[in-house]
């Protein structure tokens, strides 16, 4: 599986080992728990769009990176 996007002068690709498309909901409780941590997980790791209350967050294992959270739009774009 992989995600690919064209940026000026380069192409960025992530090799994804596995993905859980319905990992958790973005709620006030989730935001409070993550508030004291370095990575707040408040935006998509791929497109950088911010999560709003009620959004379903996907979790993906990416080669040579930490696990990444994705919005549902980006999770649907993951190619098998």
Protein backbone atom coordinates (compact mmCIF):
# COMPACT_ATOMS: atom_id res chain seq x y z
CA UNK A 1 0.00 0.00 0.00
CA UNK A 2 1.16 3.55 -0.58
CA UNK A 3 0.21 7.22 -0.72
CA UNK A 4 1.76 9.46 -3.37
CA UNK A 5 1.52 13.19 -4.09
CA UNK A 6 3.30 15.55 -6.48
CA UNK A 7 4.99 18.58 -4.92
CA UNK A 8 6.96 21.17 -6.85
CA UNK A 9 10.20 19.52 -8.04
CA UNK A 10 9.59 16.19 -6.25
CA UNK A 11 7.18 13.36 -5.53
CA UNK A 12 6.51 12.26 -1.98
CA UNK A 13 5.51 8.64 -1.26
CA UNK A 14 4.83 6.76 1.95
CA UNK A 15 5.00 2.96 2.02
CA UNK A 16 2.17 1.92 4.31
CA UNK A 17 2.41 -1.48 6.02
CA UNK A 18 -1.13 -1.50 7.45
CA UNK A 19 -4.00 0.92 8.03
CA UNK A 20 -6.93 1.02 10.45
CA UNK A 21 -9.48 3.34 8.85
CA UNK A 22 -11.73 3.65 11.92
CA UNK A 23 -9.10 4.00 14.66
CA UNK A 24 -10.92 6.52 16.89
CA UNK A 25 -13.13 9.61 16.94
CA UNK A 26 -11.69 13.10 17.43
CA UNK A 27 -13.49 14.33 20.55
CA UNK A 28 -12.95 16.77 23.39
CA UNK A 29 -11.69 13.89 25.58
CA UNK A 30 -9.15 12.85 22.90
CA UNK A 31 -7.95 16.48 22.61
CA UNK A 32 -7.54 16.80 26.42
CA UNK A 33 -5.56 13.54 26.64
CA UNK A 34 -3.20 14.55 23.79
CA UNK A 35 -2.79 18.18 25.01
CA UNK A 36 0.26 17.43 27.19
CA UNK A 37 2.05 15.33 24.55
CA UNK A 38 4.55 16.49 21.94
CA UNK A 39 2.48 15.29 18.99
CA UNK A 40 -1.08 16.47 19.56
CA UNK A 41 -2.50 14.38 16.68
CA UNK A 42 -4.77 17.30 15.81
CA UNK A 43 -4.23 17.20 12.03
CA UNK A 44 -3.80 14.72 9.22
CA UNK A 45 -0.20 13.56 8.75
CA UNK A 46 -0.56 13.59 4.95
CA UNK A 47 -2.64 16.63 3.92
CA UNK A 48 -2.24 18.59 7.18
CA UNK A 49 -5.96 19.39 7.45
CA UNK A 50 -7.07 19.91 11.04
CA UNK A 51 -9.53 17.54 12.65
CA UNK A 52 -12.85 18.81 14.00
CA UNK A 53 -15.01 17.23 16.68
CA UNK A 54 -16.68 14.06 15.45
CA UNK A 55 -14.15 13.24 12.71
CA UNK A 56 -13.06 9.62 12.48
CA UNK A 57 -9.27 9.27 12.58
CA UNK A 58 -7.39 6.55 10.68
CA UNK A 59 -4.06 5.14 11.90
CA UNK A 60 -1.37 3.95 9.48
CA UNK A 61 2.00 2.27 9.96
CA UNK A 62 4.49 4.00 7.66
CA UNK A 63 7.97 2.62 6.83
CA UNK A 64 10.84 4.67 8.31
CA UNK A 65 8.41 6.93 10.23
CA UNK A 66 6.32 6.73 13.36
CA UNK A 67 2.69 5.69 13.01
CA UNK A 68 0.69 8.47 11.34
CA UNK A 69 -2.90 9.63 11.78
CA UNK A 70 -4.88 10.31 8.61
CA UNK A 71 -8.20 11.95 7.81
CA UNK A 72 -10.82 9.76 6.13
CA UNK A 73 -10.21 11.41 2.76
CA UNK A 74 -6.54 10.45 2.77
CA UNK A 75 -7.27 7.00 4.22
CA UNK A 76 -9.53 6.30 1.22
CA UNK A 77 -6.71 7.29 -1.18
CA UNK A 78 -4.35 4.58 0.13
CA UNK A 79 -3.60 2.25 -2.77
CA UNK A 80 -3.40 -1.50 -2.09
